[in-house]
Amino acid sequence: MFAFARRVHARWTMTPQERHNLRLASTPLAVISASLGAHPRSYGA
């Protein structure tokens, strides 16, 4: 129970930069690389 409370408290006390980094860490790499143009578009569409 205390571990849960610590995690919740840690989330609430994060800086905006820490929240951003946490979001990036859980984003699939394919989504990031596709948004940067690493994956070519399909030519049949």
PDB file of N, CA and C in Angstrom:
ATOM      1  N   MET A   1       0.825  -1.195   0.000  1.00  0.00           N
ATOM      2  CA  MET A   1       0.000   0.000   0.000  1.00  0.00           C
ATOM      3  C   MET A   1       0.870   1.261   0.000  1.00  0.00           C
ATOM      4  N   PHE A   2       1.943   1.251   0.778  1.00  0.00           N
ATOM      5  CA  PHE A   2       2.811   2.421   0.833  1.00  0.00           C
ATOM      6  C   PHE A   2       3.547   2.628  -0.485  1.00  0.00           C
ATOM      7  N   ALA A   3       3.872   1.530  -1.178  1.00  0.00           N
ATOM      8  CA  ALA A   3       4.551   1.658  -2.468  1.00  0.00           C
ATOM      9  C   ALA A   3       3.645   2.371  -3.470  1.00  0.00           C
ATOM     10  N   PHE A   4       2.359   2.046  -3.445  1.00  0.00           N
ATOM     11  CA  PHE A   4       1.397   2.712  -4.328  1.00  0.00           C
ATOM     12  C   PHE A   4       1.333   4.207  -4.022  1.00  0.00           C
ATOM     13  N   ALA A   5       1.276   4.540  -2.750  1.00  0.00           N
ATOM     14  CA  ALA A   5       1.215   5.948  -2.340  1.00  0.00           C
ATOM     15  C   ALA A   5       2.477   6.695  -2.768  1.00  0.00           C
ATOM     16  N   ARG A   6       3.621   6.043  -2.681  1.00  0.00           N
ATOM     17  CA  ARG A   6       4.873   6.677  -3.113  1.00  0.00           C
ATOM     18  C   ARG A   6       4.862   6.957  -4.613  1.00  0.00           C
ATOM     19  N   ARG A   7       4.339   5.986  -5.402  1.00  0.00           N
ATOM     20  CA  ARG A   7       4.276   6.181  -6.853  1.00  0.00           C
ATOM     21  C   ARG A   7       3.344   7.333  -7.212  1.00  0.00           C
ATOM     22  N   VAL A   8       2.191   7.384  -6.554  1.00  0.00           N
ATOM     23  CA  VAL A   8       1.238   8.465  -6.827  1.00  0.00           C
ATOM     24  C   VAL A   8       1.853   9.809  -6.454  1.00  0.00           C
ATOM     25  N   HIS A   9       2.498   9.866  -5.316  1.00  0.00           N
ATOM     26  CA  HIS A   9       3.137  11.112  -4.879  1.00  0.00           C
ATOM     27  C   HIS A   9       4.243  11.522  -5.853  1.00  0.00           C
ATOM     28  N   ALA A  10       5.013  10.552  -6.323  1.00  0.00           N
ATOM     29  CA  ALA A  10       6.097  10.853  -7.261  1.00  0.00           C
ATOM     30  C   ALA A  10       5.543  11.422  -8.562  1.00  0.00           C
ATOM     31  N   ARG A  11       4.415  10.907  -9.031  1.00  0.00           N
ATOM     32  CA  ARG A  11       3.795  11.426 -10.251  1.00  0.00           C
ATOM     33  C   ARG A  11       3.340  12.865 -10.070  1.00  0.00           C
ATOM     34  N   TRP A  12       2.769  13.161  -8.911  1.00  0.00           N
ATOM     35  CA  TRP A  12       2.232  14.502  -8.671  1.00  0.00           C
ATOM     36  C   TRP A  12       3.330  15.536  -8.487  1.00  0.00           C
ATOM     37  N   THR A  13       4.515  15.105  -8.074  1.00  0.00           N
ATOM     38  CA  THR A  13       5.582  16.065  -7.796  1.00  0.00           C
ATOM     39  C   THR A  13       6.599  16.162  -8.930  1.00  0.00           C
ATOM     40  N   MET A  14       6.321  15.537 -10.071  1.00  0.00           N
ATOM     41  CA  MET A  14       7.236  15.595 -11.210  1.00  0.00           C
ATOM     42  C   MET A  14       7.234  16.975 -11.846  1.00  0.00           C
ATOM     43  N   THR A  15       8.383  17.340 -12.367  1.00  0.00           N
ATOM     44  CA  THR A  15       8.471  18.578 -13.141  1.00  0.00           C
ATOM     45  C   THR A  15       7.899  18.305 -14.536  1.00  0.00           C
ATOM     46  N   PRO A  16       7.540  19.331 -15.286  1.00  0.00           N
ATOM     47  CA  PRO A  16       7.041  19.114 -16.650  1.00  0.00           C
ATOM     48  C   PRO A  16       8.038  18.349 -17.529  1.00  0.00           C
ATOM     49  N   GLN A  17       9.327  18.602 -17.344  1.00  0.00           N
ATOM     50  CA  GLN A  17      10.342  17.891 -18.131  1.00  0.00           C
ATOM     51  C   GLN A  17      10.360  16.404 -17.785  1.00  0.00           C
ATOM     52  N   GLU A  18      10.225  16.069 -16.510  1.00  0.00           N
ATOM     53  CA  GLU A  18      10.190  14.666 -16.100  1.00  0.00           C
ATOM     54  C   GLU A  18       8.958  13.962 -16.662  1.00  0.00           C
ATOM     55  N   ARG A  19       7.817  14.643 -16.656  1.00  0.00           N
ATOM     56  CA  ARG A  19       6.602  14.052 -17.236  1.00  0.00           C
ATOM     57  C   ARG A  19       6.778  13.809 -18.723  1.00  0.00           C
ATOM     58  N   HIS A  20       7.398  14.757 -19.417  1.00  0.00           N
ATOM     59  CA  HIS A  20       7.659  14.616 -20.852  1.00  0.00           C
ATOM     60  C   HIS A  20       8.562  13.411 -21.119  1.00  0.00           C
ATOM     61  N   ASN A  21       9.620  13.272 -20.338  1.00  0.00           N
ATOM     62  CA  ASN A  21      10.541  12.147 -20.507  1.00  0.00           C
ATOM     63  C   ASN A  21       9.851  10.818 -20.233  1.00  0.00           C
ATOM     64  N   LEU A  22       8.969  10.784 -19.243  1.00  0.00           N
ATOM     65  CA  LEU A  22       8.243   9.555 -18.932  1.00  0.00           C
ATOM     66  C   LEU A  22       7.323   9.175 -20.086  1.00  0.00           C
ATOM     67  N   ARG A  23       6.672  10.169 -20.687  1.00  0.00           N
ATOM     68  CA  ARG A  23       5.792   9.909 -21.828  1.00  0.00           C
ATOM     69  C   ARG A  23       6.596   9.376 -23.005  1.00  0.00           C
ATOM     70  N   LEU A  24       7.760   9.960 -23.260  1.00  0.00           N
ATOM     71  CA  LEU A  24       8.599   9.492 -24.361  1.00  0.00           C
ATOM     72  C   LEU A  24       9.095   8.070 -24.125  1.00  0.00           C
ATOM     73  N   ALA A  25       9.382   7.743 -22.883  1.00  0.00           N
ATOM     74  CA  ALA A  25       9.888   6.408 -22.561  1.00  0.00           C
ATOM     75  C   ALA A  25       8.838   5.338 -22.827  1.00  0.00           C
ATOM     76  N   SER A  26       7.556   5.699 -22.743  1.00  0.00           N
ATOM     77  CA  SER A  26       6.509   4.697 -22.947  1.00  0.00           C
ATOM     78  C   SER A  26       5.932   4.741 -24.360  1.00  0.00           C
ATOM     79  N   THR A  27       6.436   5.644 -25.225  1.00  0.00           N
ATOM     80  CA  THR A  27       5.964   5.737 -26.605  1.00  0.00           C
ATOM     81  C   THR A  27       6.748   4.750 -27.469  1.00  0.00           C
ATOM     82  N   PRO A  28       6.061   3.939 -28.282  1.00  0.00           N
ATOM     83  CA  PRO A  28       6.777   2.996 -29.152  1.00  0.00           C
ATOM     84  C   PRO A  28       7.707   3.731 -30.122  1.00  0.00           C
ATOM     85  N   LEU A  29       8.868   3.175 -30.349  1.00  0.00           N
ATOM     86  CA  LEU A  29       9.871   3.802 -31.210  1.00  0.00           C
ATOM     87  C   LEU A  29       9.356   3.981 -32.636  1.00  0.00           C
ATOM     88  N   ALA A  30       8.540   3.052 -33.126  1.00  0.00           N
ATOM     89  CA  ALA A  30       8.017   3.162 -34.489  1.00  0.00           C
ATOM     90  C   ALA A  30       7.159   4.413 -34.654  1.00  0.00           C
ATOM     91  N   VAL A  31       6.423   4.783 -33.628  1.00  0.00           N
ATOM     92  CA  VAL A  31       5.585   5.985 -33.697  1.00  0.00           C
ATOM     93  C   VAL A  31       6.464   7.220 -33.802  1.00  0.00           C
ATOM     94  N   ILE A  32       7.520   7.263 -33.018  1.00  0.00           N
ATOM     95  CA  ILE A  32       8.424   8.418 -33.031  1.00  0.00           C
ATOM     96  C   ILE A  32       9.145   8.510 -34.369  1.00  0.00           C
ATOM     97  N   SER A  33       9.682   7.386 -34.853  1.00  0.00           N
ATOM     98  CA  SER A  33      10.441   7.427 -36.104  1.00  0.00           C
ATOM     99  C   SER A  33       9.529   7.718 -37.295  1.00  0.00           C
ATOM    100  N   ALA A  34       8.278   7.246 -37.261  1.00  0.00           N
ATOM    101  CA  ALA A  34       7.348   7.540 -38.353  1.00  0.00           C
ATOM    102  C   ALA A  34       7.006   9.025 -38.380  1.00  0.00           C
ATOM    103  N   SER A  35       6.866   9.621 -37.212  1.00  0.00           N
ATOM    104  CA  SER A  35       6.541  11.046 -37.171  1.00  0.00           C
ATOM    105  C   SER A  35       7.716  11.893 -37.653  1.00  0.00           C
ATOM    106  N   LEU A  36       8.913  11.343 -37.620  1.00  0.00           N
ATOM    107  CA  LEU A  36      10.097  12.054 -38.108  1.00  0.00           C
ATOM    108  C   LEU A  36      10.360  11.779 -39.586  1.00  0.00           C
ATOM    109  N   GLY A  37       9.558  10.900 -40.201  1.00  0.00           N
ATOM    110  CA  GLY A  37       9.702  10.605 -41.619  1.00  0.00           C
ATOM    111  C   GLY A  37      10.614   9.447 -41.930  1.00  0.00           C
ATOM    112  N   ALA A  38      10.891   8.590 -40.972  1.00  0.00           N
ATOM    113  CA  ALA A  38      11.804   7.474 -41.208  1.00  0.00           C
ATOM    114  C   ALA A  38      11.164   6.364 -42.036  1.00  0.00           C
ATOM    115  N   HIS A  39       9.848   6.227 -41.971  1.00  0.00           N
ATOM    116  CA  HIS A  39       9.159   5.168 -42.707  1.00  0.00           C
ATOM    117  C   HIS A  39       8.578   5.746 -43.994  1.00  0.00           C
ATOM    118  N   PRO A  40       8.913   5.142 -45.135  1.00  0.00           N
ATOM    119  CA  PRO A  40       8.371   5.656 -46.399  1.00  0.00           C
ATOM    120  C   PRO A  40       6.866   5.403 -46.492  1.00  0.00           C
ATOM    121  N   ARG A  41       6.200   6.255 -47.231  1.00  0.00           N
ATOM    122  CA  ARG A  41       4.757   6.069 -47.431  1.00  0.00           C
ATOM    123  C   ARG A  41       4.550   4.914 -48.399  1.00  0.00           C
ATOM    124  N   SER A  42       3.404   4.251 -48.288  1.00  0.00           N
ATOM    125  CA  SER A  42       3.121   3.153 -49.216  1.00  0.00           C
ATOM    126  C   SER A  42       2.770   3.759 -50.579  1.00  0.00           C
ATOM    127  N   TYR A  43       3.280   3.174 -51.643  1.00  0.00           N
ATOM    128  CA  TYR A  43       3.096   3.736 -52.976  1.00  0.00           C
ATOM    129  C   TYR A  43       1.787   3.303 -53.615  1.00  0.00           C
ATOM    130  N   GLY A  44       1.093   2.315 -53.053  1.00  0.00           N
ATOM    131  CA  GLY A  44      -0.158   1.847 -53.636  1.00  0.00           C
ATOM    132  C   GLY A  44      -1.352   2.700 -53.261  1.00  0.00           C
ATOM    133  N   ALA A  45      -1.188   3.576 -52.292  1.00  0.00           N
ATOM    134  CA  ALA A  45      -2.362   4.321 -51.809  1.00  0.00           C
ATOM    135  C   ALA A  45      -2.592   5.608 -52.554  1.00  0.00           C
TER     136      ALA A  45
END
